[in-house]
Protein backbone atom coordinates (compact mmCIF):
# COMPACT_ATOMS: atom_id res chain seq x y z
CA MET A 1 0.00 0.00 0.00
CA MET A 2 1.55 3.30 -1.06
CA SER A 3 0.31 5.10 2.07
CA ASP A 4 2.04 2.51 4.31
CA PRO A 5 4.62 0.70 2.16
CA HIS A 6 6.39 -1.14 5.00
CA ALA A 7 3.26 -2.32 6.80
CA THR A 8 3.20 -5.90 5.54
CA GLN A 9 6.95 -6.43 5.31
CA PRO A 10 8.36 -9.40 7.28
CA VAL A 11 10.35 -9.26 10.51
CA LEU A 12 13.17 -11.81 10.56
CA GLU A 13 14.30 -13.36 13.85
CA ALA A 14 17.45 -14.92 15.29
CA GLY A 15 18.75 -15.97 18.68
CA GLN A 16 16.32 -16.80 21.46
CA LYS A 17 12.61 -16.91 20.81
CA ALA A 18 11.22 -13.64 22.14
CA ALA A 19 8.97 -15.42 24.64
CA ASP A 20 12.04 -17.10 26.17
CA ALA A 21 14.49 -14.17 25.90
CA ALA A 22 15.74 -11.82 28.59
CA GLY A 23 15.70 -8.93 26.12
CA ALA A 24 15.52 -7.98 22.47
CA VAL A 25 17.58 -6.09 19.92
CA ILE A 26 15.79 -4.58 16.93
CA LEU A 27 18.17 -4.26 13.97
CA LEU A 28 17.42 -1.78 11.17
CA HIS A 29 19.29 -2.28 7.90
CA GLY A 30 20.67 0.41 5.61
CA ARG A 31 19.66 1.53 2.14
CA GLY A 32 19.93 -1.23 -0.45
CA ALA A 33 20.49 -3.89 2.17
CA THR A 34 18.26 -6.52 3.75
CA ALA A 35 17.05 -7.66 7.14
CA GLU A 36 19.05 -10.83 6.59
CA ASP A 37 22.23 -8.79 6.09
CA ILE A 38 21.99 -6.88 9.34
CA LEU A 39 20.72 -9.91 11.25
CA GLY A 40 24.24 -11.28 10.72
CA LEU A 41 25.34 -8.91 13.51
CA SER A 42 23.63 -11.24 15.97
CA ALA A 43 26.31 -13.86 15.34
CA GLU A 44 29.09 -11.27 15.50
CA ILE A 45 27.97 -9.79 18.82
CA ASP A 46 27.05 -13.28 20.07
CA LEU A 47 25.22 -12.75 23.35
CA PRO A 48 22.94 -15.31 25.00
CA ASP A 49 19.30 -14.78 25.98
CA VAL A 50 18.73 -12.13 23.29
CA ALA A 51 15.95 -12.15 20.70
CA TRP A 52 17.14 -10.41 17.52
CA LEU A 53 14.40 -8.88 15.37
CA ALA A 54 15.09 -7.34 11.95
CA PRO A 55 12.26 -5.80 9.94
CA GLN A 56 12.66 -5.62 6.16
CA ALA A 57 12.07 -2.34 4.32
CA ALA A 58 9.94 -2.36 1.17
CA GLY A 59 12.19 -2.03 -1.86
CA HIS A 60 15.27 -2.27 0.39
CA THR A 61 14.99 1.36 1.51
CA TRP A 62 13.20 2.94 4.45
CA TYR A 63 12.75 6.24 2.60
CA PRO A 64 13.79 7.31 -0.90
CA TYR A 65 15.91 10.43 -0.39
CA SER A 66 18.76 11.45 1.89
CA PHE A 67 18.00 11.80 5.60
CA LEU A 68 19.10 15.43 5.13
CA SER A 69 16.28 16.10 2.63
CA PRO A 70 13.08 17.91 3.67
CA ILE A 71 11.06 15.48 5.77
CA ALA A 72 7.96 15.89 3.60
CA GLN A 73 9.96 14.68 0.59
CA ASN A 74 10.51 11.32 2.31
CA GLU A 75 6.84 10.74 3.10
CA PRO A 76 4.88 8.51 3.29
CA TRP A 77 7.86 6.12 3.51
CA LEU A 78 9.37 7.68 6.63
CA GLY A 79 6.10 7.63 8.55
CA SER A 80 5.57 4.02 7.49
CA ALA A 81 9.12 3.12 8.58
CA LEU A 82 8.58 4.66 12.02
CA ARG A 83 5.34 2.69 12.38
CA LYS A 84 7.18 -0.50 11.41
CA VAL A 85 9.72 0.08 14.17
CA ARG A 86 6.89 0.71 16.63
CA GLN A 87 5.18 -2.51 15.56
CA THR A 88 8.41 -4.43 16.09
CA VAL A 89 8.85 -2.93 19.58
CA GLU A 90 5.26 -3.92 20.35
CA GLN A 91 5.94 -7.44 19.05
CA ALA A 92 8.74 -7.79 21.62
CA GLU A 93 6.56 -6.31 24.36
CA ARG A 94 3.73 -8.74 23.61
CA ALA A 95 6.24 -11.56 24.11
CA GLY A 96 6.86 -10.25 27.62
CA ILE A 97 10.01 -8.17 27.09
CA PRO A 98 9.81 -4.77 28.83
CA ARG A 99 10.92 -1.69 26.91
CA GLU A 100 13.86 -1.15 29.24
CA ARG A 101 15.30 -4.39 27.86
CA ILE A 102 14.73 -3.53 24.20
CA VAL A 103 17.67 -2.08 22.27
CA ILE A 104 17.04 -0.37 18.94
CA ALA A 105 20.05 -0.38 16.61
CA GLY A 106 20.74 0.42 12.99
CA PHE A 107 23.37 1.11 10.37
CA SER A 108 23.40 4.17 8.08
CA GLN A 109 19.79 4.77 6.96
CA GLY A 110 18.75 2.32 9.65
CA ALA A 111 20.77 4.27 12.24
CA CYS A 112 18.96 7.45 11.25
CA LEU A 113 15.65 5.65 11.63
CA ALA A 114 16.66 4.19 15.02
CA SER A 115 17.68 7.56 16.46
CA GLU A 116 14.61 9.34 15.03
CA PHE A 117 12.24 6.70 16.41
CA VAL A 118 13.69 6.82 19.91
CA ALA A 119 13.72 10.63 19.97
CA ARG A 120 10.10 10.81 18.78
CA ASN A 121 9.00 8.09 21.21
CA ALA A 122 10.99 9.06 24.28
CA GLY A 123 11.13 6.73 27.26
CA ARG A 124 13.49 4.34 29.00
CA TYR A 125 14.78 1.81 26.47
CA GLY A 126 17.44 -0.81 26.91
CA GLY A 127 19.51 1.27 24.51
CA MET A 128 19.86 2.96 21.13
CA ILE A 129 22.78 2.24 18.82
CA ALA A 130 23.46 4.38 15.74
CA PHE A 131 26.21 2.98 13.54
CA THR A 132 26.86 5.99 11.24
CA GLY A 133 23.62 7.92 11.45
CA GLY A 134 21.73 10.71 13.14
CA LEU A 135 18.42 12.50 13.47
CA ILE A 136 16.43 13.07 10.30
CA GLY A 137 15.93 16.51 8.78
CA PRO A 138 17.65 19.08 6.55
CA PRO A 139 20.60 21.19 7.73
CA GLY A 140 19.41 23.91 10.08
CA THR A 141 16.53 21.86 11.47
CA GLU A 142 15.59 22.93 14.99
CA PHE A 143 14.98 19.53 16.50
CA GLN A 144 12.21 19.59 19.08
CA TYR A 145 11.12 16.41 20.83
CA THR A 146 9.11 15.91 24.00
CA GLY A 147 9.63 13.52 26.86
CA SER A 148 12.67 12.09 28.60
CA LEU A 149 14.99 9.25 27.64
CA ALA A 150 15.39 8.64 31.38
CA GLY A 151 18.92 7.27 31.34
CA THR A 152 18.63 5.24 28.12
CA PRO A 153 22.16 4.23 27.04
CA ALA A 154 22.86 5.59 23.55
CA PHE A 155 25.85 4.98 21.29
CA PHE A 156 26.67 7.11 18.25
CA GLY A 157 29.68 6.06 16.19
CA ALA A 158 30.76 7.16 12.71
CA GLY A 159 33.72 7.70 10.47
CA ASP A 160 34.82 11.21 9.65
CA PRO A 161 34.57 12.10 6.87
CA ASP A 162 31.70 9.88 5.75
CA PRO A 163 30.23 10.16 2.24
CA HIS A 164 26.61 10.01 3.45
CA VAL A 165 26.48 11.19 7.06
CA PRO A 166 28.14 14.48 8.10
CA TRP A 167 29.97 14.27 11.40
CA ASP A 168 28.32 17.47 12.65
CA ARG A 169 24.89 15.79 12.40
CA VAL A 170 26.16 12.83 14.41
CA GLN A 171 27.47 15.23 17.08
CA GLU A 172 24.26 17.24 17.04
CA SER A 173 22.19 14.09 17.48
CA ALA A 174 24.31 12.83 20.36
CA SER A 175 24.04 16.20 22.10
CA LEU A 176 20.27 16.20 21.73
CA PHE A 177 20.03 12.70 23.16
CA THR A 178 22.07 13.84 26.15
CA SER A 179 19.79 16.85 26.63
CA MET A 180 16.82 14.46 26.64
CA GLY A 181 18.35 12.44 29.46
CA ALA A 182 20.20 9.67 27.64
CA GLU A 183 23.54 8.31 28.83
CA THR A 184 25.29 9.01 25.55
CA VAL A 185 28.58 7.73 24.17
CA LEU A 186 29.90 9.43 21.02
CA LYS A 187 32.85 7.94 19.13
CA ARG A 188 34.54 9.40 16.04
CA TYR A 189 36.62 7.09 13.85
CA PRO A 190 38.83 9.13 11.48
CA GLY A 191 39.17 7.55 8.05
CA MET A 192 36.74 4.69 8.73
CA PRO A 193 34.88 3.64 5.55
CA HIS A 194 31.09 3.46 5.43
CA THR A 195 30.82 0.24 7.41
CA ILE A 196 30.60 -1.10 10.98
CA SER A 197 33.99 -1.51 12.62
CA ARG A 198 35.13 -4.04 15.19
CA ALA A 199 35.49 -1.22 17.73
CA GLU A 200 31.87 -0.22 17.21
CA LEU A 201 30.68 -3.79 17.62
CA GLU A 202 32.54 -4.00 20.92
CA GLU A 203 30.76 -0.82 22.07
CA ALA A 204 27.45 -2.32 21.00
CA ARG A 205 28.16 -5.58 22.74
CA ARG A 206 28.88 -3.79 26.04
CA LEU A 207 25.68 -1.79 25.78
CA ILE A 208 23.52 -4.80 24.93
CA ALA A 209 25.12 -6.98 27.61
CA ALA A 210 24.32 -4.34 30.24
CA ALA A 211 20.73 -4.01 28.99
CA VAL A 212 20.14 -7.76 28.73
CA PRO A 213 21.99 -9.58 31.53
CA ALA A 214 22.68 -13.20 30.57
CA ARG A 215 20.65 -15.78 32.47
CA HIS A 216 22.15 -18.95 31.02
CA ALA A 217 25.86 -18.18 30.77
CA ALA A 218 28.33 -16.55 33.09
CA GLU A 219 30.13 -14.86 30.24
CA ALA A 220 29.55 -14.88 26.50
CA PRO A 221 32.38 -14.86 23.97
CA GLY A 222 33.45 -11.59 22.37
CA PRO A 223 32.60 -10.49 18.86
CA ARG A 224 34.24 -12.30 15.95
CA TYR A 225 33.77 -9.46 13.50
CA ARG A 226 36.63 -8.66 11.15
CA ASP A 227 37.03 -5.48 9.14
């Protein structure tokens, strides 16, 4: 449906079944990628007791233009994408996982969507992870969101320079999250290509492990990701 293009798209799953999991991580893929692609991070981060949920965007893109374009230009895809994230959060909640144990993470376009969703739907989440992304809107946007993130751990990491995501938008987004009450970590990686680095995965693993304490293992192995 053109008014809600992502509505009927599938949500792929890995790891623990949500009903049996201690927490959930929602993974949002980038432009041109797939849910299956980003779901591969579950094996790289490799934590027990986590349900990994990855919705698929219609046409492999959450919205058609740059995240720096006028917001109206990206509708109705952006609104549909935000609803899809909400539906996936609600799917985890229906399985018995409280929001404070749900982490929302994404790469590139998916990172922009993750940060925008959490800012627009403020509350205490298990965490928000933006691998090379930031809040959505053209340069000069005066971002105004209501509510508190109430100590939500947030990680923003990006290369500088990056061909798609200006570092100043990443900084601006991290600052806004802090002003909304998040416990924010911002990491700049000079010269890093448009990808997810091992260092970023280690940051993500620490955040997720704190949000979703393991019930069935004293310590899980570290990430096996290679650049």
